[in-house]
Amino acid sequence: MIDASVSYDPYDVDIDADPYPVFRRLRDEAPLYYNERYDFFAVSRYEDVERGLIDAKRFISGRGAVLEVMKANIELPPGTLIFEDPPTHSIHRGLLSRVFTPRRVAALEPQIREFCARSLDPLVGTGGFDFIADLGAPMPMKVIGMLLGIPEQDQVAIRDRVDANLRTEGGKPMEVSGGLEIGSEMFAEYIDWRAEHPSDDIMTELLQVEFEDETGTIRRLTRDEILTYVTVVAGAGNETTMRLIGWAGKVLADHPDQRQELVEDRSLISNAVEELLRYEPPAPHVGRYVPHDVEVHGQTVPGGSAMLFLVGAANRDERRFPAADCFDIHRKVGQHLTFGYGIHFCLGAALARLEGRVAVDEVLARFPKWEIDLDRAKLAPTSTVRGFDTLPAVLP
């Protein structure tokens, strides 16, 4: 039977502040969990989450990957890659993957370092800064702007609009009853301008590429499809990378000895970022729709159910990671599930890792020590990601 003594509410502010004790109980006592109030199932062990994420037939994305979206039963616009199933997903992912080629991502590193320098140099000697306001919030949209060619003057407005769409009232689900707000019209004017003024950039490439769609037709992307593509790229990388940078500030402050090791040996930073992604994943769960009855841990999950794969719990599963609740920059991390798994593995994973590595490197170059002012730090009220809205650092 499903154990009803342990309770997990993804909207509970107190649980969100530190979900890991509840995650441990779920793994040990209720590996298949059912929440009656919000009508969803959840699995929390690494093996179950990995198996479910790779099974795109029994657990589908076409009804959404966010609990509120699945429950709203709304029609999602084509090109919303994270909310699609094959064959459409395969076609759209193939097109969008050209945005994130290794060459294009690697070429951004000097520009990202320059942006960090411009952001952090004025803060030297000031006694403190905010990991979110001064670096985490502006950096991801700046990088996406570099990638897509979005004008700098438009990037802040776009970031704020994307963030607002994810905000919730504390303790309550995200409101989607009126339909999913993609906000793609933010980019319409720019795309129309680029159509008239082609250049050597990704936007022009998306406007001009020809491909075979799911009907076998050779065609170009429609304007609406490009709008959705660009909005998905801008939104998906913005909120999560912002939270990653915030967690870097918090976790390294909590582990000053390991932070000092990074100061003394920068070659450790890449693995430290990987461990950070495992230890505090910005997106602690991902949803899938169950189209037909499936059996999980000897219980039937009925067709029509919503399933949450608790990535944050899986990444702390000691069946997979010894001493999983310990942060260890020397850990041989291997495969964690922060970027998902299977056909929906995050297209922007290499870019997020690059941003995290550069941000940590540039912060440590200027500020080898800091403490977090926990009285002023605030967690963000969102139902899809977990991290800080405000994270003030005090410098010695």
Protein backbone atom coordinates (compact mmCIF):
# COMPACT_ATOMS: atom_id res chain seq x y z
CA MET A 1 0.00 0.00 0.00
CA ILE A 2 1.02 3.61 -0.52
CA ASP A 3 2.21 5.04 2.79
CA ALA A 4 -0.03 7.98 3.75
CA SER A 5 1.95 8.95 6.86
CA VAL A 6 4.51 10.98 4.90
CA SER A 7 3.21 14.11 3.15
CA TYR A 8 4.79 16.05 0.29
CA ASP A 9 3.19 19.31 -0.87
CA PRO A 10 5.24 20.95 -3.67
CA TYR A 11 3.69 24.32 -2.81
CA ASP A 12 4.42 24.21 0.93
CA VAL A 13 6.75 27.10 1.76
CA ASP A 14 8.23 25.36 4.80
CA ILE A 15 8.99 22.18 2.86
CA ASP A 16 10.47 24.21 0.01
CA ALA A 17 12.89 25.89 2.42
CA ASP A 18 14.49 22.45 3.01
CA PRO A 19 12.78 19.62 1.13
CA TYR A 20 15.47 17.02 1.76
CA PRO A 21 14.15 15.48 5.02
CA VAL A 22 10.78 14.91 3.30
CA PHE A 23 12.54 13.57 0.20
CA ARG A 24 14.43 11.07 2.36
CA ARG A 25 11.19 9.85 3.95
CA LEU A 26 9.58 9.51 0.54
CA ARG A 27 12.49 7.41 -0.75
CA ASP A 28 12.44 5.17 2.33
CA GLU A 29 8.74 4.99 3.21
CA ALA A 30 6.73 5.86 0.09
CA PRO A 31 8.75 5.21 -3.08
CA LEU A 32 5.44 5.63 -4.93
CA TYR A 33 3.65 8.57 -3.32
CA TYR A 34 0.15 9.88 -3.96
CA ASN A 35 -1.01 13.38 -3.03
CA GLU A 36 -4.79 13.38 -2.76
CA ARG A 37 -5.22 17.15 -2.46
CA TYR A 38 -3.46 17.96 -5.74
CA ASP A 39 -4.08 14.55 -7.34
CA PHE A 40 -0.59 13.55 -8.43
CA PHE A 41 1.74 10.61 -7.98
CA ALA A 42 5.49 10.99 -7.34
CA VAL A 43 8.60 8.82 -7.33
CA SER A 44 11.75 9.82 -5.51
CA ARG A 45 14.42 7.11 -5.83
CA TYR A 46 17.14 7.62 -8.41
CA GLU A 47 16.43 4.35 -10.21
CA ASP A 48 12.70 5.15 -10.53
CA VAL A 49 13.21 8.74 -11.67
CA GLU A 50 15.84 7.74 -14.24
CA ARG A 51 13.67 4.90 -15.55
CA GLY A 52 10.61 7.13 -15.81
CA LEU A 53 12.35 10.01 -17.56
CA ILE A 54 13.72 7.71 -20.24
CA ASP A 55 10.34 6.03 -20.82
CA ALA A 56 8.74 8.54 -23.20
CA LYS A 57 5.87 6.20 -24.10
CA ARG A 58 4.48 5.45 -20.66
CA PHE A 59 5.24 8.94 -19.30
CA ILE A 60 4.59 11.60 -21.93
CA SER A 61 5.39 15.31 -22.15
CA GLY A 62 2.68 16.37 -24.58
CA ARG A 63 0.34 17.42 -21.78
CA GLY A 64 3.02 19.51 -20.10
CA ALA A 65 5.94 18.94 -17.73
CA VAL A 66 4.56 21.21 -14.98
CA LEU A 67 1.82 19.96 -12.66
CA GLU A 68 -0.40 23.02 -13.07
CA VAL A 69 -0.18 22.82 -16.87
CA MET A 70 -1.10 19.14 -16.91
CA LYS A 71 -4.07 19.78 -14.64
CA ALA A 72 -5.28 22.73 -16.73
CA ASN A 73 -5.63 20.46 -19.79
CA ILE A 74 -4.81 23.27 -22.21
CA GLU A 75 -3.57 23.17 -25.77
CA LEU A 76 0.13 23.93 -26.00
CA PRO A 77 1.56 25.81 -28.98
CA PRO A 78 3.75 23.82 -31.41
CA GLY A 79 7.44 24.34 -30.80
CA THR A 80 7.12 24.25 -27.00
CA LEU A 81 9.88 21.67 -27.01
CA ILE A 82 9.77 20.63 -23.36
CA PHE A 83 6.02 19.91 -23.73
CA GLU A 84 6.22 17.71 -26.85
CA ASP A 85 6.42 14.02 -27.74
CA PRO A 86 7.89 12.28 -30.79
CA PRO A 87 7.76 12.61 -33.73
CA THR A 88 7.14 16.36 -33.42
CA HIS A 89 9.59 16.67 -30.53
CA SER A 90 12.35 14.92 -32.50
CA ILE A 91 11.94 17.31 -35.43
CA HIS A 92 11.82 20.46 -33.32
CA ARG A 93 14.71 19.33 -31.10
CA GLY A 94 16.83 18.66 -34.19
CA LEU A 95 16.21 22.18 -35.41
CA LEU A 96 16.79 23.85 -32.08
CA SER A 97 19.95 21.85 -31.36
CA ARG A 98 21.76 24.03 -33.91
CA VAL A 99 21.44 26.88 -31.40
CA PHE A 100 23.54 24.95 -28.87
CA THR A 101 26.39 23.46 -30.89
CA PRO A 102 29.62 22.95 -28.92
CA ARG A 103 31.35 25.54 -31.13
CA ARG A 104 28.72 28.20 -30.49
CA VAL A 105 28.63 27.56 -26.76
CA ALA A 106 32.44 27.56 -26.37
CA ALA A 107 32.71 30.79 -28.37
CA LEU A 108 30.64 32.58 -25.71
CA GLU A 109 33.15 32.11 -22.88
CA PRO A 110 35.20 35.29 -23.48
CA GLN A 111 32.01 37.37 -23.71
CA ILE A 112 30.62 35.80 -20.52
CA ARG A 113 33.86 36.52 -18.67
CA GLU A 114 33.79 40.11 -19.90
CA PHE A 115 30.22 40.51 -18.66
CA CYS A 116 31.16 39.07 -15.24
CA ALA A 117 34.08 41.48 -15.01
CA ARG A 118 31.85 44.47 -15.84
CA SER A 119 29.34 43.29 -13.23
CA LEU A 120 31.73 42.38 -10.42
CA ASP A 121 34.64 44.84 -10.68
CA PRO A 122 32.60 47.83 -9.40
CA LEU A 123 31.63 45.77 -6.33
CA VAL A 124 35.21 45.24 -5.14
CA GLY A 125 35.75 47.09 -1.88
CA THR A 126 32.04 47.81 -1.31
CA GLY A 127 31.61 45.35 1.55
CA GLY A 128 28.99 43.22 -0.11
CA PHE A 129 26.86 42.36 -3.11
CA ASP A 130 23.80 40.29 -4.03
CA PHE A 131 24.42 37.06 -5.90
CA ILE A 132 21.06 37.36 -7.63
CA ALA A 133 20.62 41.07 -8.33
CA ASP A 134 24.25 41.71 -9.24
CA LEU A 135 25.06 38.56 -11.21
CA GLY A 136 22.50 35.74 -11.22
CA ALA A 137 19.57 37.69 -12.63
CA PRO A 138 21.24 39.65 -15.46
CA MET A 139 23.76 37.02 -16.59
CA PRO A 140 21.57 34.27 -18.13
CA MET A 141 19.47 36.60 -20.28
CA LYS A 142 22.62 38.43 -21.32
CA VAL A 143 24.07 35.11 -22.49
CA ILE A 144 20.89 34.07 -24.31
CA GLY A 145 20.95 37.51 -25.91
CA MET A 146 24.50 36.86 -27.09
CA LEU A 147 23.42 33.49 -28.48
CA LEU A 148 20.32 34.66 -30.30
CA GLY A 149 21.35 38.21 -31.05
CA ILE A 150 18.61 39.86 -28.94
CA PRO A 151 19.29 43.61 -28.56
CA GLU A 152 20.72 44.50 -25.16
CA GLN A 153 18.06 47.14 -24.47
CA ASP A 154 15.34 44.49 -24.71
CA GLN A 155 16.93 41.82 -22.53
CA VAL A 156 15.88 43.12 -19.09
CA ALA A 157 12.24 43.52 -20.08
CA ILE A 158 12.20 40.00 -21.54
CA ARG A 159 13.81 38.52 -18.43
CA ASP A 160 11.31 40.24 -16.12
CA ARG A 161 8.39 39.04 -18.23
CA VAL A 162 9.63 35.45 -18.21
CA ASP A 163 10.20 35.55 -14.44
CA ALA A 164 6.74 36.98 -13.79
CA ASN A 165 5.11 34.10 -15.67
CA LEU A 166 6.64 31.62 -13.20
CA ARG A 167 5.81 33.45 -9.98
CA THR A 168 3.23 32.10 -7.57
CA GLU A 169 1.66 33.27 -4.35
CA GLY A 170 3.40 31.52 -1.46
CA GLY A 171 1.83 28.12 -0.79
CA LYS A 172 -0.33 28.15 -3.91
CA PRO A 173 -0.05 26.64 -7.41
CA MET A 174 0.82 28.70 -10.47
CA GLU A 175 -2.27 30.15 -12.16
CA VAL A 176 -2.75 28.77 -15.68
CA SER A 177 -6.54 28.58 -15.93
CA GLY A 178 -6.61 31.25 -18.61
CA GLY A 179 -4.12 29.35 -20.77
CA LEU A 180 -0.35 29.09 -20.72
CA GLU A 181 1.22 32.52 -21.13
CA ILE A 182 4.15 32.03 -23.44
CA GLY A 183 4.78 35.72 -23.94
CA SER A 184 6.25 35.15 -27.37
CA GLU A 185 5.03 38.49 -28.72
CA MET A 186 7.94 40.00 -26.79
CA PHE A 187 10.16 38.86 -29.65
CA ALA A 188 7.82 39.53 -32.58
CA GLU A 189 9.18 42.93 -33.58
CA TYR A 190 12.77 41.71 -33.48
CA ILE A 191 12.04 38.60 -35.54
CA ASP A 192 10.18 40.65 -38.14
CA TRP A 193 13.11 43.05 -38.35
CA ARG A 194 15.61 40.21 -38.70
CA ALA A 195 13.50 38.67 -41.49
CA GLU A 196 14.00 41.90 -43.45
CA HIS A 197 17.67 42.25 -42.40
CA PRO A 198 19.29 38.77 -42.47
CA SER A 199 22.65 38.35 -40.80
CA ASP A 200 25.11 35.65 -39.79
CA ASP A 201 23.27 34.70 -36.62
CA ILE A 202 21.02 31.99 -35.20
CA MET A 203 17.82 33.96 -35.68
CA THR A 204 18.50 34.26 -39.41
CA GLU A 205 19.35 30.56 -39.55
CA LEU A 206 16.01 29.65 -37.95
CA LEU A 207 14.20 31.93 -40.39
CA GLN A 208 15.85 30.35 -43.42
CA VAL A 209 16.26 26.67 -42.51
CA GLU A 210 14.29 24.10 -44.48
CA PHE A 211 13.23 20.82 -42.87
CA GLU A 212 10.85 17.90 -43.24
CA ASP A 213 7.95 18.19 -40.81
CA GLU A 214 5.90 15.37 -39.28
CA THR A 215 3.65 15.22 -42.36
CA GLY A 216 6.62 14.71 -44.70
CA THR A 217 6.38 18.27 -46.05
CA ILE A 218 9.61 20.15 -46.79
CA ARG A 219 9.12 23.68 -45.48
CA ARG A 220 10.46 26.55 -43.39
CA LEU A 221 9.42 27.38 -39.86
CA THR A 222 6.38 29.60 -39.53
CA ARG A 223 6.66 32.93 -37.77
CA ASP A 224 4.66 31.58 -34.81
CA GLU A 225 6.93 28.54 -34.53
CA ILE A 226 10.02 30.74 -34.43
CA LEU A 227 8.40 32.98 -31.83
CA THR A 228 7.72 29.97 -29.64
CA TYR A 229 11.23 28.53 -30.18
CA VAL A 230 12.94 31.74 -29.16
CA THR A 231 10.70 32.19 -26.12
CA VAL A 232 11.33 28.63 -24.95
CA VAL A 233 15.11 29.12 -25.25
CA ALA A 234 14.98 32.47 -23.44
CA GLY A 235 12.74 31.21 -20.65
CA ALA A 236 14.21 27.77 -20.03
CA GLY A 237 17.77 28.98 -19.53
CA ASN A 238 16.98 32.14 -17.61
CA GLU A 239 15.28 31.08 -14.41
CA THR A 240 17.26 27.89 -13.83
CA THR A 241 20.72 29.36 -14.42
CA MET A 242 19.88 32.29 -12.17
CA ARG A 243 19.08 29.82 -9.38
CA LEU A 244 22.28 27.86 -10.06
CA ILE A 245 24.38 30.98 -9.49
CA GLY A 246 22.48 31.70 -6.30
CA TRP A 247 23.05 28.18 -5.00
CA ALA A 248 26.75 28.53 -5.77
CA GLY A 249 26.88 31.57 -3.47
CA LYS A 250 24.96 29.85 -0.68
CA VAL A 251 26.57 26.40 -0.77
CA LEU A 252 30.16 27.69 -1.06
CA ALA A 253 29.52 30.04 1.88
CA ASP A 254 28.30 27.01 3.86
CA HIS A 255 31.50 25.10 2.98
CA PRO A 256 34.33 27.64 3.38
CA ASP A 257 37.09 24.99 3.44
CA GLN A 258 36.02 23.64 0.04
CA ARG A 259 35.62 27.18 -1.26
CA GLN A 260 39.23 27.87 -0.26
CA GLU A 261 40.32 24.76 -2.18
CA LEU A 262 38.67 26.23 -5.27
CA VAL A 263 40.44 29.54 -4.72
CA GLU A 264 43.77 27.71 -4.60
CA ASP A 265 43.07 25.29 -7.46
CA ARG A 266 40.72 26.56 -10.17
CA SER A 267 40.89 23.24 -12.02
CA LEU A 268 38.46 21.90 -9.40
CA ILE A 269 35.71 24.34 -10.40
CA SER A 270 34.15 22.27 -13.20
CA ASN A 271 33.60 19.28 -10.92
CA ALA A 272 32.42 21.58 -8.13
CA VAL A 273 29.72 22.96 -10.43
CA GLU A 274 28.67 19.39 -11.32
CA GLU A 275 28.39 18.52 -7.64
CA LEU A 276 26.48 21.75 -7.05
CA LEU A 277 23.99 20.78 -9.78
CA ARG A 278 23.48 17.42 -8.08
CA TYR A 279 23.31 18.84 -4.57
CA GLU A 280 20.90 21.75 -5.19
CA PRO A 281 19.13 21.26 -8.55
CA PRO A 282 17.35 24.48 -9.59
CA ALA A 283 14.35 22.46 -10.83
CA PRO A 284 13.59 19.94 -8.06
CA HIS A 285 10.90 18.04 -9.96
CA VAL A 286 9.58 17.47 -13.47
CA GLY A 287 6.13 16.25 -14.44
CA ARG A 288 4.86 13.72 -16.96
CA TYR A 289 1.36 12.65 -17.98
CA VAL A 290 0.44 8.95 -17.71
CA PRO A 291 -1.75 8.08 -20.74
CA HIS A 292 -2.41 4.44 -19.73
CA ASP A 293 -2.32 2.40 -16.52
CA VAL A 294 1.22 1.62 -15.38
CA GLU A 295 2.52 -0.42 -12.47
CA VAL A 296 5.04 1.23 -10.14
CA HIS A 297 6.27 -0.50 -6.97
CA GLY A 298 3.47 -3.03 -7.24
CA GLN A 299 0.77 -0.36 -7.38
CA THR A 300 -1.32 0.75 -10.36
CA VAL A 301 -0.98 4.35 -11.47
CA PRO A 302 -4.19 4.91 -13.45
CA GLY A 303 -4.20 6.30 -16.97
CA GLY A 304 -4.93 10.01 -16.88
CA SER A 305 -2.71 10.61 -13.83
CA ALA A 306 0.01 13.19 -13.33
CA MET A 307 3.40 11.89 -12.22
CA LEU A 308 6.11 14.02 -10.63
CA PHE A 309 9.68 12.79 -10.92
CA LEU A 310 11.43 14.24 -7.88
CA VAL A 311 14.86 15.05 -9.28
CA GLY A 312 15.93 16.75 -6.06
CA ALA A 313 15.19 13.56 -4.13
CA ALA A 314 16.82 11.28 -6.72
CA ASN A 315 20.03 13.32 -6.66
CA ARG A 316 20.26 12.75 -2.89
CA ASP A 317 19.52 9.02 -3.04
CA GLU A 318 22.24 7.16 -1.12
CA ARG A 319 21.44 4.07 -3.16
CA ARG A 320 23.19 5.98 -5.98
CA PHE A 321 25.42 8.56 -4.28
CA PRO A 322 27.27 7.62 -1.06
CA ALA A 323 26.89 10.28 1.66
CA ALA A 324 24.45 11.98 -0.70
CA ASP A 325 23.52 14.77 1.72
CA CYS A 326 27.16 15.88 1.87
CA PHE A 327 28.48 18.46 -0.59
CA ASP A 328 31.86 17.29 -1.87
CA ILE A 329 33.71 19.05 -4.69
CA HIS A 330 35.90 15.93 -5.10
CA ARG A 331 32.97 13.56 -5.62
CA LYS A 332 32.98 11.46 -8.79
CA VAL A 333 29.49 12.70 -9.62
CA GLY A 334 28.79 10.71 -12.75
CA GLN A 335 25.22 10.94 -14.05
CA HIS A 336 22.90 13.14 -12.00
CA LEU A 337 19.38 14.01 -13.16
CA THR A 338 19.37 17.80 -12.89
CA PHE A 339 19.26 18.21 -16.68
CA GLY A 340 16.76 15.39 -17.08
CA TYR A 341 17.40 12.18 -18.97
CA GLY A 342 16.45 10.57 -22.26
CA ILE A 343 14.96 12.45 -25.20
CA HIS A 344 14.24 15.55 -23.11
CA PHE A 345 17.78 15.94 -21.74
CA CYS A 346 18.32 19.69 -21.48
CA LEU A 347 19.60 21.16 -24.75
CA GLY A 348 21.25 23.98 -22.85
CA ALA A 349 23.15 21.80 -20.37
CA ALA A 350 26.58 22.69 -21.79
CA LEU A 351 25.71 26.39 -21.72
CA ALA A 352 24.47 26.21 -18.11
CA ARG A 353 27.65 24.41 -17.05
CA LEU A 354 29.75 27.06 -18.81
CA GLU A 355 27.87 29.90 -17.14
CA GLY A 356 28.17 28.26 -13.74
CA ARG A 357 31.88 27.60 -14.15
CA VAL A 358 32.68 31.12 -15.35
CA ALA A 359 30.53 32.76 -12.68
CA VAL A 360 32.18 30.81 -9.84
CA ASP A 361 35.66 31.43 -11.27
CA GLU A 362 35.14 35.17 -11.66
CA VAL A 363 33.54 35.57 -8.23
CA LEU A 364 36.37 33.69 -6.51
CA ALA A 365 38.96 35.76 -8.39
CA ARG A 366 37.62 38.89 -6.67
CA PHE A 367 35.97 37.60 -3.50
CA PRO A 368 37.73 34.56 -2.00
CA LYS A 369 35.59 34.82 1.15
CA TRP A 370 32.02 35.86 1.90
CA GLU A 371 29.16 35.11 4.23
CA ILE A 372 25.44 35.11 3.40
CA ASP A 373 23.12 37.47 5.27
CA LEU A 374 20.43 34.86 5.88
CA ASP A 375 18.09 37.38 7.53
CA ARG A 376 17.77 39.22 4.21
CA ALA A 377 17.96 36.22 1.87
CA LYS A 378 14.63 35.25 0.28
CA LEU A 379 13.61 32.13 -1.60
CA ALA A 380 11.69 32.73 -4.83
CA PRO A 381 7.96 31.90 -4.79
CA THR A 382 7.75 29.61 -7.82
CA SER A 383 6.32 26.15 -8.22
CA THR A 384 8.72 24.96 -10.90
CA VAL A 385 12.17 26.02 -9.71
CA ARG A 386 13.78 26.41 -6.31
CA GLY A 387 16.28 29.08 -5.42
CA PHE A 388 16.78 32.61 -4.20
CA ASP A 389 15.22 35.88 -5.25
CA THR A 390 17.63 37.75 -2.99
CA LEU A 391 20.96 36.47 -1.68
CA PRO A 392 23.06 39.20 -0.03
CA ALA A 393 26.73 38.38 0.49
CA VAL A 394 28.77 40.15 3.17
CA LEU A 395 32.46 40.59 2.38
CA PRO A 396 35.23 40.70 5.01
